[in-house]
C-alpha cells in the first residue's frame, strides 16, 4: 500500500512470502513504489519498521534507507480483542 499526502509518501505493509524472500521481489516492489511516488512529485518517503526486526532493517539499509531521528506516535482508537 503506497500513499502520498502532498508532503510525504508512505509505504505500509510491504511483504514477500517467506519462500520468495531474498529473490529480489521486495527490492523490485520498493523500486516500483518509489517510482509511483516520484511520478506524483513526492520528495520523500517514510515508513515504520518494528524495533528488533533486524532482517527488515538490513533489507532497507541495502536499498539506501536510514533511520530518521523522529518520534513515531500512536494511539489505539479501538481496543484489541
N, C-alpha and C. Protein backbone atom coordinates (compact mmCIF):
# COMPACT_ATOMS: atom_id res chain seq x y z
N UNK A 1 0.85 -1.16 0.00
CA UNK A 1 0.00 0.00 0.00
C UNK A 1 0.90 1.23 0.00
N UNK A 2 0.73 2.09 -0.97
CA UNK A 2 1.53 3.29 -1.13
C UNK A 2 0.60 4.50 -1.08
N UNK A 3 1.01 5.54 -0.34
CA UNK A 3 0.19 6.73 -0.25
C UNK A 3 1.04 7.99 -0.34
N UNK A 4 0.39 9.10 -0.66
CA UNK A 4 1.06 10.38 -0.74
C UNK A 4 0.09 11.45 -0.29
N UNK A 5 0.47 12.23 0.72
CA UNK A 5 -0.42 13.26 1.27
C UNK A 5 -0.10 14.67 0.76
N UNK A 6 0.76 14.77 -0.26
CA UNK A 6 1.15 16.06 -0.79
C UNK A 6 2.43 16.59 -0.16
N UNK A 7 2.88 15.95 0.90
CA UNK A 7 4.11 16.35 1.57
C UNK A 7 5.11 15.20 1.65
N UNK A 8 4.62 14.02 1.97
CA UNK A 8 5.49 12.86 2.17
C UNK A 8 4.75 11.60 1.73
N UNK A 9 5.50 10.71 1.12
CA UNK A 9 4.93 9.43 0.75
C UNK A 9 5.04 8.44 1.89
N UNK A 10 4.21 7.42 1.84
CA UNK A 10 4.28 6.37 2.85
C UNK A 10 4.09 5.01 2.17
N UNK A 11 4.72 4.03 2.75
CA UNK A 11 4.59 2.66 2.27
C UNK A 11 4.22 1.83 3.48
N UNK A 12 3.13 1.09 3.38
CA UNK A 12 2.65 0.31 4.52
C UNK A 12 2.53 -1.16 4.15
N UNK A 13 3.08 -1.98 5.02
CA UNK A 13 2.93 -3.42 4.93
C UNK A 13 3.44 -4.05 3.64
N UNK A 14 4.62 -3.66 3.23
CA UNK A 14 5.27 -4.37 2.13
C UNK A 14 5.66 -5.74 2.66
N UNK A 15 5.30 -6.78 1.97
CA UNK A 15 5.62 -8.13 2.43
C UNK A 15 5.88 -9.05 1.25
N UNK A 16 6.75 -9.99 1.47
CA UNK A 16 7.05 -11.02 0.49
C UNK A 16 6.96 -12.36 1.21
N UNK A 17 6.26 -13.31 0.63
CA UNK A 17 6.13 -14.63 1.23
C UNK A 17 7.52 -15.21 1.53
N UNK A 18 7.66 -15.89 2.66
CA UNK A 18 8.97 -16.40 3.06
C UNK A 18 9.71 -17.18 1.97
N UNK A 19 9.00 -17.98 1.21
CA UNK A 19 9.67 -18.79 0.19
C UNK A 19 10.21 -17.97 -0.98
N UNK A 20 9.78 -16.71 -1.08
CA UNK A 20 10.26 -15.84 -2.15
C UNK A 20 11.18 -14.72 -1.67
N UNK A 21 11.44 -14.68 -0.36
CA UNK A 21 12.35 -13.68 0.16
C UNK A 21 13.77 -13.95 -0.34
N UNK A 22 14.54 -12.88 -0.45
CA UNK A 22 15.92 -12.93 -0.95
C UNK A 22 16.01 -13.34 -2.43
N UNK A 23 14.92 -13.04 -3.17
CA UNK A 23 14.92 -13.31 -4.61
C UNK A 23 14.88 -12.01 -5.42
N UNK A 24 14.81 -10.87 -4.75
CA UNK A 24 14.75 -9.58 -5.43
C UNK A 24 13.35 -9.01 -5.57
N UNK A 25 12.33 -9.78 -5.19
CA UNK A 25 10.96 -9.29 -5.33
C UNK A 25 10.72 -8.06 -4.47
N UNK A 26 11.18 -8.09 -3.23
CA UNK A 26 10.97 -6.94 -2.33
C UNK A 26 11.63 -5.69 -2.87
N UNK A 27 12.84 -5.81 -3.38
CA UNK A 27 13.54 -4.66 -3.94
C UNK A 27 12.80 -4.12 -5.16
N UNK A 28 12.27 -5.01 -6.00
CA UNK A 28 11.51 -4.56 -7.18
C UNK A 28 10.22 -3.86 -6.75
N UNK A 29 9.56 -4.38 -5.73
CA UNK A 29 8.34 -3.73 -5.23
C UNK A 29 8.66 -2.33 -4.70
N UNK A 30 9.76 -2.21 -3.97
CA UNK A 30 10.14 -0.90 -3.44
C UNK A 30 10.49 0.06 -4.57
N UNK A 31 11.22 -0.39 -5.57
CA UNK A 31 11.56 0.49 -6.70
C UNK A 31 10.29 0.96 -7.41
N UNK A 32 9.32 0.08 -7.56
CA UNK A 32 8.06 0.45 -8.21
C UNK A 32 7.28 1.45 -7.35
N UNK A 33 7.25 1.21 -6.04
CA UNK A 33 6.57 2.14 -5.13
C UNK A 33 7.23 3.51 -5.19
N UNK A 34 8.56 3.54 -5.18
CA UNK A 34 9.29 4.80 -5.27
C UNK A 34 9.00 5.50 -6.59
N UNK A 35 8.95 4.76 -7.68
CA UNK A 35 8.67 5.34 -8.99
C UNK A 35 7.28 5.95 -9.02
N UNK A 36 6.29 5.27 -8.45
CA UNK A 36 4.93 5.81 -8.40
C UNK A 36 4.90 7.12 -7.62
N UNK A 37 5.59 7.14 -6.49
CA UNK A 37 5.62 8.36 -5.68
C UNK A 37 6.32 9.49 -6.42
N UNK A 38 7.43 9.18 -7.08
CA UNK A 38 8.14 10.21 -7.83
C UNK A 38 7.30 10.77 -8.96
N UNK A 39 6.50 9.93 -9.61
CA UNK A 39 5.60 10.39 -10.68
C UNK A 39 4.60 11.41 -10.15
N UNK A 40 4.25 11.30 -8.86
CA UNK A 40 3.31 12.23 -8.24
C UNK A 40 4.01 13.47 -7.70
N UNK A 41 5.34 13.53 -7.83
CA UNK A 41 6.09 14.68 -7.32
C UNK A 41 6.47 14.57 -5.86
N UNK A 42 6.42 13.39 -5.33
CA UNK A 42 6.71 13.17 -3.91
C UNK A 42 8.22 13.28 -3.65
N UNK A 43 8.62 14.17 -2.72
CA UNK A 43 10.05 14.36 -2.47
C UNK A 43 10.67 13.40 -1.46
N UNK A 44 9.85 12.75 -0.63
CA UNK A 44 10.39 11.91 0.44
C UNK A 44 9.40 10.82 0.77
N UNK A 45 9.91 9.67 1.20
CA UNK A 45 9.06 8.58 1.63
C UNK A 45 9.45 8.18 3.05
N UNK A 46 8.46 7.85 3.85
CA UNK A 46 8.68 7.40 5.22
C UNK A 46 7.81 6.17 5.49
N UNK A 47 8.29 5.33 6.36
CA UNK A 47 7.51 4.16 6.77
C UNK A 47 8.06 3.65 8.09
N UNK A 48 7.35 2.74 8.69
CA UNK A 48 7.73 2.20 10.01
C UNK A 48 8.22 0.77 9.88
N UNK A 49 9.21 0.45 10.70
CA UNK A 49 9.68 -0.92 10.87
C UNK A 49 9.75 -1.15 12.38
N UNK A 50 9.20 -2.24 12.84
CA UNK A 50 9.21 -2.51 14.28
C UNK A 50 10.63 -2.69 14.79
N UNK A 51 10.89 -2.14 15.97
CA UNK A 51 12.19 -2.31 16.61
C UNK A 51 12.50 -3.79 16.75
N UNK A 52 13.74 -4.15 16.55
CA UNK A 52 14.15 -5.53 16.68
C UNK A 52 13.99 -6.35 15.42
N UNK A 53 13.37 -5.78 14.39
CA UNK A 53 13.19 -6.50 13.13
C UNK A 53 14.44 -6.28 12.27
N UNK A 54 15.54 -6.88 12.73
CA UNK A 54 16.86 -6.61 12.16
C UNK A 54 16.98 -7.03 10.70
N UNK A 55 16.35 -8.13 10.31
CA UNK A 55 16.42 -8.57 8.91
C UNK A 55 15.79 -7.53 7.99
N UNK A 56 14.65 -6.99 8.39
CA UNK A 56 13.97 -5.99 7.57
C UNK A 56 14.75 -4.69 7.55
N UNK A 57 15.30 -4.30 8.70
CA UNK A 57 16.13 -3.09 8.73
C UNK A 57 17.34 -3.24 7.82
N UNK A 58 17.94 -4.41 7.79
CA UNK A 58 19.09 -4.66 6.90
C UNK A 58 18.66 -4.60 5.43
N UNK A 59 17.47 -5.13 5.13
CA UNK A 59 16.94 -5.07 3.77
C UNK A 59 16.83 -3.62 3.31
N UNK A 60 16.20 -2.76 4.13
CA UNK A 60 16.02 -1.37 3.75
C UNK A 60 17.34 -0.61 3.74
N UNK A 61 18.25 -0.95 4.61
CA UNK A 61 19.58 -0.34 4.59
C UNK A 61 20.25 -0.60 3.24
N UNK A 62 20.08 -1.80 2.74
CA UNK A 62 20.64 -2.16 1.44
C UNK A 62 20.02 -1.40 0.28
N UNK A 63 18.83 -0.85 0.50
CA UNK A 63 18.16 -0.05 -0.53
C UNK A 63 18.43 1.44 -0.35
N UNK A 64 19.26 1.79 0.62
CA UNK A 64 19.61 3.18 0.82
C UNK A 64 18.79 3.93 1.85
N UNK A 65 17.94 3.23 2.58
CA UNK A 65 17.13 3.86 3.62
C UNK A 65 17.91 3.93 4.92
N UNK A 66 17.59 4.93 5.75
CA UNK A 66 18.25 5.11 7.03
C UNK A 66 17.20 5.47 8.08
N UNK A 67 17.52 5.23 9.32
CA UNK A 67 16.63 5.58 10.42
C UNK A 67 16.60 7.10 10.56
N UNK A 68 15.39 7.68 10.59
CA UNK A 68 15.22 9.11 10.82
C UNK A 68 15.18 9.36 12.32
N UNK A 69 15.65 10.53 12.74
CA UNK A 69 15.65 10.89 14.15
C UNK A 69 14.32 11.57 14.48
N UNK A 70 13.26 10.76 14.56
CA UNK A 70 11.92 11.28 14.86
C UNK A 70 11.26 10.35 15.87
N UNK A 71 10.20 10.84 16.48
CA UNK A 71 9.37 10.00 17.34
C UNK A 71 8.12 9.63 16.55
N UNK A 72 7.80 8.37 16.54
CA UNK A 72 6.57 7.91 15.91
C UNK A 72 5.54 7.73 17.01
N UNK A 73 4.44 8.45 16.92
CA UNK A 73 3.41 8.41 17.95
C UNK A 73 2.21 7.62 17.47
N UNK A 74 1.56 6.96 18.38
CA UNK A 74 0.37 6.19 18.04
C UNK A 74 -0.62 6.19 19.19
N UNK A 75 -1.85 5.91 18.85
CA UNK A 75 -2.92 5.83 19.85
C UNK A 75 -3.96 4.85 19.34
N UNK A 76 -4.29 3.85 20.14
CA UNK A 76 -5.34 2.90 19.76
C UNK A 76 -6.69 3.59 19.90
N UNK A 77 -7.47 3.57 18.86
CA UNK A 77 -8.83 4.12 18.91
C UNK A 77 -9.85 3.01 19.16
N UNK A 78 -9.49 1.80 18.79
CA UNK A 78 -10.34 0.64 19.04
C UNK A 78 -9.45 -0.39 19.72
N UNK A 79 -9.86 -0.87 20.88
CA UNK A 79 -9.04 -1.81 21.65
C UNK A 79 -8.90 -3.14 20.92
N UNK A 80 -7.72 -3.74 21.06
CA UNK A 80 -7.52 -5.10 20.52
C UNK A 80 -8.43 -6.05 21.27
N UNK A 81 -8.91 -7.06 20.59
CA UNK A 81 -9.79 -8.04 21.25
C UNK A 81 -9.05 -9.29 21.56
